Amino acid sequence: SVVKKGLAKIVIGTRSAVFAPFEKVGLIIMDEEQEYSYKSESSPRYHAREIAKFRCSYDNALLVLSSATPSVESYYYAKNGRYSLNTLTERYGDAVLPKVVVADMNVEQQNGNVTGFSETLLENLRYNLENNKQSILLLNRRGYNTFVTCRMCGEPVVCPNCSISLTYHSANRRMMCH
């Protein structure tokens, strides 16, 4: 491979890119370092951040952990001087912050909406489609359903031990506590 032969100057990849056969690493940048996807849940279990830290330490390289919302661990280390903290004080270019709307799905259910999509969301999607604008729906979750509610009363199904909402996993057709 180009990387193994030492011909590649830059490698961009997913979490497994930390295992790229570079002879000598100079810089690793982990974008959105707080994301759970950097953590391997299957064997061999590893966290790409820890592998990146090891590789950078071994090669005396620089590691940049980038995030608008860093992990608690990284933020703690930055605040206590173990990591350097660099802060962006303004947005890039003329980018504007997106408008955030929170919809109470209990109210939606009480009004007869059992679709899982709020009326506000559907209206905004329709508007964007009609006006040739873009929309993105980002759902960051584990399991098939993040929580299940009773369609009659709207109450969530919770763990009897800790009262956290149970998550439905379709692969094994089970409700699980996270």
Protein backbone atom coordinates (compact mmCIF):
# COMPACT_ATOMS: atom_id res chain seq x y z
CA SER A 1 0.00 0.00 0.00
CA VAL A 2 1.00 3.63 -0.49
CA VAL A 3 0.95 4.19 3.28
CA LYS A 4 3.09 1.14 4.05
CA LYS A 5 5.64 2.11 1.38
CA GLY A 6 5.96 5.54 3.00
CA LEU A 7 4.66 7.39 -0.07
CA ALA A 8 1.59 8.88 1.64
CA LYS A 9 2.02 12.22 3.36
CA ILE A 10 -1.56 12.40 4.69
CA VAL A 11 -4.03 9.69 5.67
CA ILE A 12 -7.68 10.55 6.28
CA GLY A 13 -9.95 7.85 7.60
CA THR A 14 -12.33 6.40 10.12
CA ARG A 15 -11.33 5.21 13.59
CA SER A 16 -9.30 2.30 12.18
CA ALA A 17 -7.01 4.83 10.45
CA VAL A 18 -5.10 5.09 13.76
CA PHE A 19 -3.69 1.67 12.83
CA ALA A 20 -2.38 2.87 9.44
CA PRO A 21 1.15 1.49 8.92
CA PHE A 22 2.93 4.86 8.98
CA GLU A 23 6.65 4.62 9.76
CA LYS A 24 6.58 7.90 11.67
CA VAL A 25 3.45 9.85 12.56
CA GLY A 26 3.81 13.64 12.72
CA LEU A 27 0.25 14.75 13.49
CA ILE A 28 -3.09 13.12 14.27
CA ILE A 29 -6.28 15.18 14.24
CA MET A 30 -9.40 13.61 15.73
CA ASP A 31 -12.43 15.62 14.67
CA GLU A 32 -15.41 15.46 17.05
CA GLU A 33 -13.29 13.50 19.51
CA GLN A 34 -16.22 13.03 21.91
CA GLU A 35 -18.13 10.79 19.47
CA TYR A 36 -18.84 7.29 20.77
CA SER A 37 -18.05 5.90 17.30
CA TYR A 38 -14.33 6.18 18.13
CA LYS A 39 -14.87 3.41 20.66
CA SER A 40 -14.89 -0.17 19.40
CA GLU A 41 -17.57 -2.22 21.15
CA SER A 42 -16.46 -5.50 19.55
CA SER A 43 -13.26 -7.44 20.02
CA PRO A 44 -10.60 -6.18 20.05
CA ARG A 45 -12.04 -3.42 22.25
CA TYR A 46 -10.24 -0.11 21.95
CA HIS A 47 -10.77 3.63 21.93
CA ALA A 48 -9.21 5.32 18.90
CA ARG A 49 -8.29 8.34 21.07
CA GLU A 50 -6.15 6.12 23.32
CA ILE A 51 -4.45 4.51 20.30
CA ALA A 52 -3.84 7.97 18.82
CA LYS A 53 -2.36 9.17 22.14
CA PHE A 54 -0.05 6.15 22.23
CA ARG A 55 1.08 6.59 18.61
CA CYS A 56 1.73 10.30 19.11
CA SER A 57 3.66 9.64 22.31
CA TYR A 58 5.71 6.90 20.60
CA ASP A 59 6.54 9.09 17.57
CA ASN A 60 6.77 12.35 19.55
CA ALA A 61 3.94 13.67 17.35
CA LEU A 62 1.20 16.21 17.93
CA LEU A 63 -2.36 15.11 18.73
CA VAL A 64 -5.24 17.53 18.15
CA LEU A 65 -8.57 16.58 19.71
CA SER A 66 -11.12 18.77 17.97
CA SER A 67 -14.67 19.37 19.19
CA ALA A 68 -17.19 22.08 19.93
CA THR A 69 -18.39 19.77 22.72
CA PRO A 70 -15.35 17.86 24.01
CA SER A 71 -15.63 14.69 26.06
CA VAL A 72 -15.76 15.21 29.81
CA GLU A 73 -12.34 13.57 30.12
CA SER A 74 -10.68 15.81 27.52
CA TYR A 75 -12.28 18.94 28.93
CA TYR A 76 -11.13 18.00 32.44
CA TYR A 77 -7.56 17.41 31.24
CA ALA A 78 -7.57 20.72 29.34
CA LYS A 79 -8.86 22.65 32.35
CA ASN A 80 -6.22 21.05 34.59
CA GLY A 81 -3.28 21.68 32.26
CA ARG A 82 -2.68 18.13 31.04
CA TYR A 83 -3.95 19.15 27.58
CA SER A 84 -3.63 22.54 25.90
CA LEU A 85 -6.99 24.18 25.27
CA ASN A 86 -7.44 26.29 22.16
CA THR A 87 -10.79 28.00 21.74
CA LEU A 88 -12.47 29.39 18.64
CA THR A 89 -14.13 32.68 19.51
CA GLU A 90 -16.03 33.14 16.25
CA ARG A 91 -17.70 30.99 13.64
CA TYR A 92 -15.96 30.23 10.37
CA GLY A 93 -16.77 32.62 7.51
CA ASP A 94 -20.30 33.93 7.58
CA ALA A 95 -21.81 30.71 8.93
CA VAL A 96 -24.83 31.26 11.14
CA LEU A 97 -25.93 29.09 14.02
CA PRO A 98 -28.77 26.77 13.11
CA LYS A 99 -32.15 27.40 14.68
CA VAL A 100 -32.93 24.73 17.25
CA VAL A 101 -36.54 23.78 17.95
CA VAL A 102 -37.47 21.33 20.69
CA ALA A 103 -40.82 19.60 20.27
CA ASP A 104 -42.63 18.01 23.20
CA MET A 105 -43.68 14.65 21.77
CA ASN A 106 -46.05 14.09 24.69
CA VAL A 107 -48.05 17.11 23.52
CA GLU A 108 -47.86 15.78 19.95
CA GLN A 109 -49.27 12.43 21.12
CA GLN A 110 -52.04 14.14 23.08
CA ASN A 111 -52.98 15.95 19.86
CA GLY A 112 -53.26 12.61 18.06
CA ASN A 113 -49.83 12.51 16.41
CA VAL A 114 -48.33 9.04 16.88
CA THR A 115 -45.86 9.20 13.96
CA GLY A 116 -42.69 9.98 15.92
CA PHE A 117 -42.22 13.20 13.89
CA SER A 118 -43.47 16.50 15.29
CA GLU A 119 -45.76 18.69 13.21
CA THR A 120 -43.13 21.45 13.41
CA LEU A 121 -40.51 19.13 11.91
CA LEU A 122 -42.84 18.02 9.12
CA GLU A 123 -43.81 21.63 8.32
CA ASN A 124 -40.15 22.68 8.13
CA LEU A 125 -39.24 19.72 5.93
CA ARG A 126 -42.17 20.51 3.60
CA TYR A 127 -41.13 24.17 3.42
CA ASN A 128 -37.52 23.27 2.60
CA LEU A 129 -38.56 20.77 -0.07
CA GLU A 130 -40.94 23.25 -1.69
CA ASN A 131 -38.24 25.94 -1.71
CA ASN A 132 -35.37 23.71 -2.91
CA LYS A 133 -33.56 24.08 0.42
CA GLN A 134 -31.56 21.43 2.21
CA SER A 135 -32.51 19.62 5.39
CA ILE A 136 -30.62 17.14 7.47
CA LEU A 137 -32.02 14.90 10.16
CA LEU A 138 -29.34 13.68 12.54
CA LEU A 139 -30.27 10.98 14.99
CA ASN A 140 -27.50 9.99 17.36
CA ARG A 141 -28.68 6.97 19.29
CA ARG A 142 -28.15 3.35 20.18
CA GLY A 143 -30.76 0.70 19.55
CA TYR A 144 -33.80 0.71 17.30
CA ASN A 145 -35.88 3.03 19.51
CA THR A 146 -34.33 5.28 22.14
CA PHE A 147 -37.39 4.85 24.29
CA VAL A 148 -40.80 3.32 23.95
CA THR A 149 -43.95 4.99 25.21
CA CYS A 150 -47.43 3.68 25.80
CA ARG A 151 -49.71 4.91 22.99
CA MET A 152 -52.62 5.14 25.42
CA CYS A 153 -51.11 7.23 28.22
CA GLY A 154 -47.77 8.43 26.79
CA GLU A 155 -45.75 7.04 29.72
CA PRO A 156 -42.28 5.74 28.81
CA VAL A 157 -41.31 2.12 29.49
CA VAL A 158 -38.59 2.35 32.14
CA CYS A 159 -36.07 0.06 33.80
CA PRO A 160 -37.46 -1.28 37.10
CA ASN A 161 -33.99 -0.94 38.69
CA CYS A 162 -32.92 2.59 37.71
CA SER A 163 -35.98 4.26 36.12
CA ILE A 164 -34.08 5.08 32.90
CA SER A 165 -36.06 4.69 29.66
CA LEU A 166 -35.51 1.27 28.11
CA THR A 167 -34.12 1.11 24.57
CA TYR A 168 -35.60 -1.35 22.08
CA HIS A 169 -33.07 -3.38 20.07
CA SER A 170 -34.63 -4.92 16.97
CA ALA A 171 -31.79 -7.41 16.36
CA ASN A 172 -32.63 -9.40 19.48
CA ARG A 173 -36.16 -7.99 19.93
CA ARG A 174 -35.43 -6.90 23.50
CA MET A 175 -35.84 -3.82 25.63
CA MET A 176 -32.52 -2.96 27.28
CA CYS A 177 -31.28 -0.51 29.89
CA HIS A 178 -28.25 1.58 28.88
